[in-house]
Amino acid sequence: MRIGSGYDVHAFMEGDHVMIGGVRIPFTRSFRAHSDGDVLLHAICDALLGAAGLGDIGRHFPDTDPAYAGADSRDLLRRVVAHLDKGDMHCTSLDATVIAEAPRMGPHISAIRDVLAADLQLERSRINVKATTTERLGFCGRGEGIAAMASVLVSEPGDLP
């Protein structure tokens, strides 16, 4: 078994929605990013790649490559999962946290878990997503952006089920 952790941050810009966990959430701003800016999926990609010893999301999908401009982060996540599958490694559990003052995440957690279960090819019961604020401290607290953290457990061939 291998453990991986990931963290991502994106600042806000003008817009009308954010993508978090593969779910389009109406909001008064959007993320400033090369891709769709999905902080949660980016943190999960980093956690998976880290557990597999494969670097980070920037190494595999650099923001300097025009091919990833406006990229759908669900596609990036599915590509990471496929890459791990080639090495016979599989995500067995995920715990993730979205750090934001707004938008409120509670109404979207169930849909996010559904997306993650599909893309990670994992039972929904093995996925935990939660949200917290920073009590108005720091860049998240000032409403300048959103952060996300993820921890994963990845199994290798021969691991116990």
N, C-alpha and C. Protein backbone atom coordinates (compact mmCIF):
# COMPACT_ATOMS: atom_id res chain seq x y z
N MET A 1 0.85 -1.18 0.00
CA MET A 1 0.00 0.00 0.00
C MET A 1 0.89 1.24 0.00
N ARG A 2 0.41 2.26 -0.67
CA ARG A 2 1.13 3.53 -0.74
C ARG A 2 0.17 4.66 -0.38
N ILE A 3 0.69 5.69 0.26
CA ILE A 3 -0.10 6.85 0.64
C ILE A 3 0.39 8.04 -0.17
N GLY A 4 -0.55 8.86 -0.64
CA GLY A 4 -0.20 10.08 -1.34
C GLY A 4 -1.00 11.25 -0.83
N SER A 5 -0.41 12.43 -0.91
CA SER A 5 -1.13 13.64 -0.52
C SER A 5 -0.99 14.68 -1.62
N GLY A 6 -2.00 15.52 -1.74
CA GLY A 6 -1.98 16.57 -2.74
C GLY A 6 -2.61 17.83 -2.21
N TYR A 7 -2.21 18.94 -2.78
CA TYR A 7 -2.70 20.25 -2.38
C TYR A 7 -2.74 21.14 -3.61
N ASP A 8 -3.79 21.94 -3.75
CA ASP A 8 -3.85 22.87 -4.87
C ASP A 8 -4.58 24.13 -4.43
N VAL A 9 -4.28 25.22 -5.12
CA VAL A 9 -4.86 26.54 -4.85
C VAL A 9 -5.12 27.23 -6.17
N HIS A 10 -6.25 27.92 -6.27
CA HIS A 10 -6.48 28.79 -7.42
C HIS A 10 -7.12 30.08 -6.95
N ALA A 11 -6.68 31.17 -7.54
CA ALA A 11 -7.24 32.49 -7.25
C ALA A 11 -8.50 32.69 -8.09
N PHE A 12 -9.31 33.63 -7.66
CA PHE A 12 -10.53 33.98 -8.38
C PHE A 12 -10.27 35.06 -9.43
N MET A 13 -11.16 35.08 -10.41
CA MET A 13 -11.25 36.16 -11.39
C MET A 13 -12.74 36.33 -11.69
N GLU A 14 -13.06 37.27 -12.57
CA GLU A 14 -14.46 37.44 -12.95
C GLU A 14 -15.00 36.16 -13.58
N GLY A 15 -16.27 35.89 -13.32
CA GLY A 15 -16.89 34.71 -13.90
C GLY A 15 -18.24 34.43 -13.27
N ASP A 16 -18.80 33.27 -13.60
CA ASP A 16 -20.13 32.94 -13.07
C ASP A 16 -20.23 31.54 -12.48
N HIS A 17 -19.08 30.83 -12.38
CA HIS A 17 -19.10 29.49 -11.77
C HIS A 17 -17.68 29.05 -11.44
N VAL A 18 -17.60 28.05 -10.59
CA VAL A 18 -16.34 27.35 -10.32
C VAL A 18 -16.57 25.87 -10.55
N MET A 19 -15.51 25.19 -10.96
CA MET A 19 -15.55 23.73 -11.06
C MET A 19 -14.84 23.19 -9.84
N ILE A 20 -15.56 22.38 -9.06
CA ILE A 20 -14.96 21.77 -7.87
C ILE A 20 -15.41 20.31 -7.84
N GLY A 21 -14.43 19.42 -7.87
CA GLY A 21 -14.75 17.99 -7.84
C GLY A 21 -15.52 17.53 -9.06
N GLY A 22 -15.31 18.21 -10.18
CA GLY A 22 -16.00 17.85 -11.41
C GLY A 22 -17.43 18.35 -11.49
N VAL A 23 -17.83 19.17 -10.54
CA VAL A 23 -19.20 19.70 -10.50
C VAL A 23 -19.15 21.20 -10.77
N ARG A 24 -19.99 21.65 -11.69
CA ARG A 24 -20.09 23.08 -12.00
C ARG A 24 -20.98 23.72 -10.94
N ILE A 25 -20.40 24.66 -10.19
CA ILE A 25 -21.10 25.31 -9.09
C ILE A 25 -21.30 26.79 -9.43
N PRO A 26 -22.55 27.23 -9.54
CA PRO A 26 -22.79 28.64 -9.81
C PRO A 26 -22.16 29.50 -8.70
N PHE A 27 -21.50 30.58 -9.13
CA PHE A 27 -20.82 31.45 -8.18
C PHE A 27 -20.59 32.79 -8.85
N THR A 28 -20.24 33.78 -8.08
CA THR A 28 -20.05 35.13 -8.61
C THR A 28 -18.68 35.33 -9.25
N ARG A 29 -17.83 34.31 -9.17
CA ARG A 29 -16.49 34.38 -9.77
C ARG A 29 -16.11 33.02 -10.34
N SER A 30 -14.99 32.98 -11.04
CA SER A 30 -14.43 31.74 -11.58
C SER A 30 -12.97 31.65 -11.16
N PHE A 31 -12.33 30.52 -11.49
CA PHE A 31 -10.92 30.35 -11.16
C PHE A 31 -10.03 30.90 -12.26
N ARG A 32 -8.94 31.55 -11.86
CA ARG A 32 -7.89 31.94 -12.79
C ARG A 32 -6.98 30.72 -12.90
N ALA A 33 -6.96 30.11 -14.09
CA ALA A 33 -6.18 28.89 -14.26
C ALA A 33 -5.97 28.60 -15.74
N HIS A 34 -4.99 27.78 -16.02
CA HIS A 34 -4.72 27.34 -17.39
C HIS A 34 -5.79 26.35 -17.85
N SER A 35 -6.18 25.45 -16.94
CA SER A 35 -7.25 24.49 -17.23
C SER A 35 -8.55 25.06 -16.67
N ASP A 36 -9.50 24.18 -16.31
CA ASP A 36 -10.74 24.67 -15.69
C ASP A 36 -10.53 25.06 -14.23
N GLY A 37 -9.33 24.79 -13.69
CA GLY A 37 -8.98 25.25 -12.35
C GLY A 37 -9.57 24.45 -11.21
N ASP A 38 -10.02 23.24 -11.46
CA ASP A 38 -10.68 22.44 -10.42
C ASP A 38 -9.66 22.05 -9.34
N VAL A 39 -9.63 22.85 -8.27
CA VAL A 39 -8.64 22.65 -7.21
C VAL A 39 -8.73 21.27 -6.57
N LEU A 40 -9.93 20.76 -6.42
CA LEU A 40 -10.08 19.45 -5.77
C LEU A 40 -9.53 18.34 -6.66
N LEU A 41 -9.89 18.34 -7.93
CA LEU A 41 -9.38 17.29 -8.82
C LEU A 41 -7.87 17.40 -9.00
N HIS A 42 -7.34 18.61 -9.00
CA HIS A 42 -5.89 18.78 -9.11
C HIS A 42 -5.19 18.22 -7.87
N ALA A 43 -5.74 18.47 -6.70
CA ALA A 43 -5.15 17.93 -5.47
C ALA A 43 -5.21 16.40 -5.48
N ILE A 44 -6.30 15.84 -5.97
CA ILE A 44 -6.43 14.38 -6.04
C ILE A 44 -5.43 13.82 -7.04
N CYS A 45 -5.28 14.46 -8.21
CA CYS A 45 -4.27 14.00 -9.18
C CYS A 45 -2.89 13.99 -8.54
N ASP A 46 -2.53 15.06 -7.83
CA ASP A 46 -1.22 15.12 -7.18
C ASP A 46 -1.07 14.01 -6.14
N ALA A 47 -2.12 13.74 -5.39
CA ALA A 47 -2.06 12.68 -4.38
C ALA A 47 -1.83 11.32 -5.04
N LEU A 48 -2.57 11.04 -6.10
CA LEU A 48 -2.42 9.76 -6.79
C LEU A 48 -1.03 9.62 -7.41
N LEU A 49 -0.59 10.66 -8.10
CA LEU A 49 0.74 10.63 -8.72
C LEU A 49 1.82 10.48 -7.66
N GLY A 50 1.66 11.18 -6.54
CA GLY A 50 2.63 11.07 -5.46
C GLY A 50 2.69 9.67 -4.88
N ALA A 51 1.55 9.06 -4.66
CA ALA A 51 1.52 7.70 -4.12
C ALA A 51 2.22 6.72 -5.05
N ALA A 52 2.09 6.95 -6.34
CA ALA A 52 2.70 6.07 -7.34
C ALA A 52 4.16 6.43 -7.63
N GLY A 53 4.66 7.51 -7.02
CA GLY A 53 6.03 7.93 -7.26
C GLY A 53 6.23 8.51 -8.66
N LEU A 54 5.18 9.15 -9.19
CA LEU A 54 5.20 9.64 -10.57
C LEU A 54 5.22 11.16 -10.68
N GLY A 55 5.71 11.84 -9.66
CA GLY A 55 5.80 13.29 -9.74
C GLY A 55 4.51 13.98 -9.39
N ASP A 56 4.20 15.03 -10.15
CA ASP A 56 3.00 15.82 -9.85
C ASP A 56 2.26 16.19 -11.13
N ILE A 57 1.13 16.84 -10.97
CA ILE A 57 0.26 17.18 -12.10
C ILE A 57 0.97 18.10 -13.09
N GLY A 58 1.81 19.00 -12.60
CA GLY A 58 2.52 19.92 -13.48
C GLY A 58 3.52 19.21 -14.39
N ARG A 59 4.04 18.11 -13.92
CA ARG A 59 4.97 17.32 -14.74
C ARG A 59 4.24 16.62 -15.88
N HIS A 60 3.05 16.15 -15.60
CA HIS A 60 2.29 15.39 -16.60
C HIS A 60 1.44 16.28 -17.51
N PHE A 61 0.95 17.38 -16.97
CA PHE A 61 0.06 18.28 -17.72
C PHE A 61 0.51 19.73 -17.49
N PRO A 62 1.66 20.12 -18.02
CA PRO A 62 2.21 21.45 -17.71
C PRO A 62 1.34 22.60 -18.20
N ASP A 63 1.28 23.64 -17.37
CA ASP A 63 0.47 24.80 -17.74
C ASP A 63 1.14 25.64 -18.82
N THR A 64 2.31 25.23 -19.25
CA THR A 64 2.99 25.90 -20.36
C THR A 64 2.63 25.25 -21.70
N ASP A 65 1.91 24.14 -21.65
CA ASP A 65 1.53 23.41 -22.86
C ASP A 65 0.15 23.86 -23.31
N PRO A 66 0.03 24.45 -24.49
CA PRO A 66 -1.27 24.92 -24.98
C PRO A 66 -2.31 23.80 -25.09
N ALA A 67 -1.87 22.56 -25.16
CA ALA A 67 -2.81 21.43 -25.27
C ALA A 67 -3.72 21.34 -24.05
N TYR A 68 -3.28 21.90 -22.93
CA TYR A 68 -4.07 21.80 -21.70
C TYR A 68 -4.81 23.09 -21.37
N ALA A 69 -4.78 24.06 -22.26
CA ALA A 69 -5.51 25.31 -22.05
C ALA A 69 -7.00 24.99 -22.00
N GLY A 70 -7.64 25.36 -20.91
CA GLY A 70 -9.07 25.11 -20.73
C GLY A 70 -9.41 23.65 -20.50
N ALA A 71 -8.43 22.82 -20.20
CA ALA A 71 -8.65 21.38 -20.05
C ALA A 71 -9.69 21.06 -18.99
N ASP A 72 -10.45 20.02 -19.25
CA ASP A 72 -11.42 19.48 -18.30
C ASP A 72 -10.63 18.64 -17.29
N SER A 73 -10.65 19.03 -16.04
CA SER A 73 -9.87 18.33 -15.03
C SER A 73 -10.34 16.90 -14.79
N ARG A 74 -11.59 16.61 -15.10
CA ARG A 74 -12.05 15.22 -15.02
C ARG A 74 -11.27 14.36 -16.01
N ASP A 75 -11.00 14.90 -17.19
CA ASP A 75 -10.20 14.16 -18.17
C ASP A 75 -8.80 13.93 -17.63
N LEU A 76 -8.21 14.94 -17.00
CA LEU A 76 -6.88 14.79 -16.43
C LEU A 76 -6.88 13.71 -15.35
N LEU A 77 -7.89 13.72 -14.48
CA LEU A 77 -7.98 12.71 -13.42
C LEU A 77 -8.11 11.31 -14.02
N ARG A 78 -8.96 11.15 -15.02
CA ARG A 78 -9.13 9.84 -15.64
C ARG A 78 -7.82 9.37 -16.30
N ARG A 79 -7.05 10.30 -16.84
CA ARG A 79 -5.76 9.94 -17.43
C ARG A 79 -4.77 9.49 -16.36
N VAL A 80 -4.80 10.15 -15.20
CA VAL A 80 -3.93 9.74 -14.09
C VAL A 80 -4.33 8.34 -13.62
N VAL A 81 -5.62 8.10 -13.47
CA VAL A 81 -6.10 6.78 -13.04
C VAL A 81 -5.66 5.72 -14.05
N ALA A 82 -5.78 5.99 -15.33
CA ALA A 82 -5.37 5.04 -16.36
C ALA A 82 -3.87 4.77 -16.29
N HIS A 83 -3.10 5.82 -15.99
CA HIS A 83 -1.64 5.67 -15.87
C HIS A 83 -1.30 4.75 -14.70
N LEU A 84 -1.98 4.93 -13.58
CA LEU A 84 -1.77 4.05 -12.43
C LEU A 84 -2.19 2.61 -12.76
N ASP A 85 -3.31 2.48 -13.47
CA ASP A 85 -3.79 1.15 -13.85
C ASP A 85 -2.73 0.38 -14.64
N LYS A 86 -1.99 1.08 -15.51
CA LYS A 86 -0.94 0.44 -16.30
C LYS A 86 0.11 -0.21 -15.40
N GLY A 87 0.34 0.40 -14.24
CA GLY A 87 1.28 -0.15 -13.27
C GLY A 87 0.60 -1.06 -12.27
N ASP A 88 -0.64 -1.42 -12.55
CA ASP A 88 -1.44 -2.29 -11.69
C ASP A 88 -1.59 -1.70 -10.29
N MET A 89 -1.70 -0.37 -10.22
CA MET A 89 -1.96 0.32 -8.96
C MET A 89 -3.36 0.90 -9.02
N HIS A 90 -4.06 0.86 -7.89
CA HIS A 90 -5.45 1.30 -7.85
C HIS A 90 -5.72 2.08 -6.58
N CYS A 91 -6.45 3.15 -6.70
CA CYS A 91 -6.86 3.93 -5.53
C CYS A 91 -7.86 3.09 -4.73
N THR A 92 -7.62 2.97 -3.43
CA THR A 92 -8.53 2.21 -2.59
C THR A 92 -9.33 3.08 -1.62
N SER A 93 -8.86 4.31 -1.39
CA SER A 93 -9.65 5.25 -0.58
C SER A 93 -9.14 6.67 -0.79
N LEU A 94 -10.05 7.60 -0.56
CA LEU A 94 -9.76 9.02 -0.73
C LEU A 94 -10.40 9.79 0.41
N ASP A 95 -9.64 10.73 0.97
CA ASP A 95 -10.18 11.70 1.91
C ASP A 95 -9.73 13.07 1.43
N ALA A 96 -10.68 13.97 1.22
CA ALA A 96 -10.34 15.28 0.66
C ALA A 96 -11.07 16.40 1.40
N THR A 97 -10.46 17.58 1.38
CA THR A 97 -11.03 18.76 2.02
C THR A 97 -10.94 19.95 1.07
N VAL A 98 -12.05 20.65 0.90
CA VAL A 98 -12.09 21.91 0.16
C VAL A 98 -12.06 23.02 1.20
N ILE A 99 -11.18 24.00 1.00
CA ILE A 99 -11.02 25.11 1.94
C ILE A 99 -11.51 26.37 1.26
N ALA A 100 -12.67 26.86 1.70
CA ALA A 100 -13.28 28.02 1.03
C ALA A 100 -14.27 28.69 1.96
N GLU A 101 -14.32 30.01 1.89
CA GLU A 101 -15.37 30.75 2.60
C GLU A 101 -16.66 30.68 1.79
N ALA A 102 -16.52 30.71 0.47
CA ALA A 102 -17.68 30.64 -0.43
C ALA A 102 -17.18 30.12 -1.77
N PRO A 103 -17.99 29.44 -2.51
CA PRO A 103 -19.39 29.11 -2.24
C PRO A 103 -19.51 28.02 -1.18
N ARG A 104 -20.69 27.90 -0.61
CA ARG A 104 -20.95 26.86 0.38
C ARG A 104 -20.89 25.50 -0.32
N MET A 105 -20.15 24.58 0.24
CA MET A 105 -19.92 23.31 -0.43
C MET A 105 -20.93 22.23 -0.07
N GLY A 106 -21.54 22.34 1.10
CA GLY A 106 -22.45 21.30 1.58
C GLY A 106 -23.44 20.78 0.56
N PRO A 107 -24.14 21.65 -0.17
CA PRO A 107 -25.13 21.18 -1.13
C PRO A 107 -24.54 20.41 -2.32
N HIS A 108 -23.22 20.46 -2.50
CA HIS A 108 -22.59 19.86 -3.67
C HIS A 108 -21.78 18.60 -3.37
N ILE A 109 -21.59 18.30 -2.10
CA ILE A 109 -20.71 17.18 -1.72
C ILE A 109 -21.19 15.85 -2.29
N SER A 110 -22.47 15.58 -2.24
CA SER A 110 -22.98 14.31 -2.75
C SER A 110 -22.69 14.14 -4.25
N ALA A 111 -22.92 15.19 -5.02
CA ALA A 111 -22.65 15.13 -6.47
C ALA A 111 -21.15 14.96 -6.72
N ILE A 112 -20.32 15.62 -5.93
CA ILE A 112 -18.87 15.49 -6.07
C ILE A 112 -18.46 14.05 -5.80
N ARG A 113 -18.99 13.45 -4.77
CA ARG A 113 -18.66 12.05 -4.45
C ARG A 113 -19.06 11.12 -5.59
N ASP A 114 -20.20 11.40 -6.22
CA ASP A 114 -20.64 10.58 -7.36
C ASP A 114 -19.65 10.69 -8.52
N VAL A 115 -19.20 11.90 -8.83
CA VAL A 115 -18.22 12.11 -9.89
C VAL A 115 -16.93 11.37 -9.57
N LEU A 116 -16.46 11.52 -8.35
CA LEU A 116 -15.20 10.89 -7.96
C LEU A 116 -15.31 9.36 -7.99
N ALA A 117 -16.42 8.81 -7.55
CA ALA A 117 -16.60 7.36 -7.60
C ALA A 117 -16.50 6.86 -9.04
N ALA A 118 -17.12 7.58 -9.96
CA ALA A 118 -17.08 7.17 -11.37
C ALA A 118 -15.67 7.30 -11.94
N ASP A 119 -15.02 8.42 -11.70
CA ASP A 119 -13.72 8.65 -12.32
C ASP A 119 -12.59 7.86 -11.67
N LEU A 120 -12.71 7.59 -10.38
CA LEU A 120 -11.68 6.81 -9.69
C LEU A 120 -11.96 5.31 -9.75
N GLN A 121 -13.14 4.95 -10.29
CA GLN A 121 -13.56 3.55 -10.35
C GLN A 121 -13.50 2.95 -8.94
N LEU A 122 -14.15 3.65 -8.02
CA LEU A 122 -14.06 3.34 -6.61
C LEU A 122 -15.45 3.39 -5.98
N GLU A 123 -15.71 2.52 -5.04
CA GLU A 123 -16.99 2.55 -4.34
C GLU A 123 -17.14 3.90 -3.64
N ARG A 124 -18.35 4.44 -3.71
CA ARG A 124 -18.64 5.74 -3.10
C ARG A 124 -18.32 5.75 -1.60
N SER A 125 -18.49 4.60 -0.95
CA SER A 125 -18.25 4.52 0.49
C SER A 125 -16.77 4.69 0.84
N ARG A 126 -15.89 4.60 -0.15
CA ARG A 126 -14.45 4.76 0.08
C ARG A 126 -13.98 6.18 -0.23
N ILE A 127 -14.94 7.08 -0.45
CA ILE A 127 -14.63 8.46 -0.79
C ILE A 127 -15.25 9.38 0.26
N ASN A 128 -14.41 10.21 0.85
CA ASN A 128 -14.90 11.21 1.80
C ASN A 128 -14.48 12.59 1.31
N VAL A 129 -15.44 13.47 1.20
CA VAL A 129 -15.17 14.86 0.82
C VAL A 129 -15.82 15.76 1.86
N LYS A 130 -15.06 16.70 2.34
CA LYS A 130 -15.58 17.63 3.33
C LYS A 130 -15.12 19.03 2.98
N ALA A 131 -15.66 20.00 3.67
CA ALA A 131 -15.30 21.39 3.42
C ALA A 131 -15.12 22.12 4.74
N THR A 132 -14.28 23.11 4.70
CA THR A 132 -14.06 23.94 5.87
C THR A 132 -13.77 25.37 5.42
N THR A 133 -13.85 26.28 6.35
CA THR A 133 -13.45 27.67 6.09
C THR A 133 -12.16 27.92 6.84
N THR A 134 -11.61 29.11 6.67
CA THR A 134 -10.43 29.50 7.45
C THR A 134 -10.80 30.58 8.46
N GLU A 135 -12.10 30.65 8.78
CA GLU A 135 -12.57 31.64 9.75
C GLU A 135 -12.15 33.05 9.34
N ARG A 136 -12.22 33.30 8.03
CA ARG A 136 -11.90 34.59 7.42
C ARG A 136 -10.43 34.99 7.53
N LEU A 137 -9.56 34.02 7.76
CA LEU A 137 -8.12 34.28 7.82
C LEU A 137 -7.46 33.88 6.52
N GLY A 138 -6.39 34.58 6.14
CA GLY A 138 -5.62 34.22 4.95
C GLY A 138 -6.34 34.49 3.65
N PHE A 139 -5.73 34.03 2.54
CA PHE A 139 -6.29 34.34 1.22
C PHE A 139 -7.66 33.71 1.03
N CYS A 140 -7.87 32.50 1.54
CA CYS A 140 -9.21 31.90 1.43
C CYS A 140 -10.22 32.71 2.24
N GLY A 141 -9.83 33.10 3.43
CA GLY A 141 -10.72 33.86 4.29
C GLY A 141 -11.09 35.22 3.73
N ARG A 142 -10.17 35.80 2.98
CA ARG A 142 -10.44 37.10 2.35
C ARG A 142 -11.22 36.94 1.04
N GLY A 143 -11.51 35.71 0.66
CA GLY A 143 -12.26 35.47 -0.57
C GLY A 143 -11.45 35.66 -1.83
N GLU A 144 -10.14 35.46 -1.75
CA GLU A 144 -9.27 35.64 -2.91
C GLU A 144 -9.15 34.37 -3.75
N GLY A 145 -9.51 33.22 -3.17
CA GLY A 145 -9.38 31.96 -3.88
C GLY A 145 -9.83 30.80 -3.02
N ILE A 146 -9.58 29.60 -3.53
CA ILE A 146 -9.98 28.36 -2.86
C ILE A 146 -8.80 27.40 -2.89
N ALA A 147 -8.69 26.58 -1.87
CA ALA A 147 -7.66 25.54 -1.79
C ALA A 147 -8.33 24.19 -1.57
N ALA A 148 -7.59 23.14 -1.85
CA ALA A 148 -8.07 21.79 -1.58
C ALA A 148 -6.89 20.90 -1.22
N MET A 149 -7.17 19.93 -0.35
CA MET A 149 -6.18 18.93 0.05
C MET A 149 -6.79 17.55 -0.17
N ALA A 150 -5.92 16.59 -0.51
CA ALA A 150 -6.40 15.22 -0.71
C ALA A 150 -5.36 14.24 -0.21
N SER A 151 -5.85 13.15 0.37
CA SER A 151 -5.02 12.03 0.77
C SER A 151 -5.61 10.78 0.16
N VAL A 152 -4.76 9.92 -0.41
CA VAL A 152 -5.22 8.70 -1.02
C VAL A 152 -4.42 7.51 -0.51
N LEU A 153 -5.05 6.36 -0.58
CA LEU A 153 -4.38 5.10 -0.34
C LEU A 153 -4.44 4.35 -1.66
N VAL A 154 -3.29 3.91 -2.13
CA VAL A 154 -3.17 3.22 -3.41
C VAL A 154 -2.62 1.82 -3.15
N SER A 155 -3.26 0.81 -3.76
CA SER A 155 -2.77 -0.57 -3.60
C SER A 155 -1.92 -0.95 -4.80
N GLU A 156 -0.99 -1.85 -4.54
CA GLU A 156 -0.11 -2.39 -5.56
C GLU A 156 -0.40 -3.89 -5.70
N PRO A 157 0.12 -4.50 -6.76
CA PRO A 157 -0.07 -5.95 -6.89
C PRO A 157 0.43 -6.68 -5.64
N GLY A 158 -0.36 -7.63 -5.19
CA GLY A 158 0.03 -8.41 -4.02
C GLY A 158 -0.46 -7.85 -2.70
N ASP A 159 -0.99 -6.62 -2.70
CA ASP A 159 -1.54 -6.07 -1.46
C ASP A 159 -2.78 -6.84 -1.07
N LEU A 160 -3.04 -6.90 0.21
CA LEU A 160 -4.26 -7.53 0.68
C LEU A 160 -5.46 -6.71 0.21
N PRO A 161 -6.59 -7.36 -0.09
CA PRO A 161 -7.78 -6.61 -0.54
C PRO A 161 -8.29 -5.66 0.52
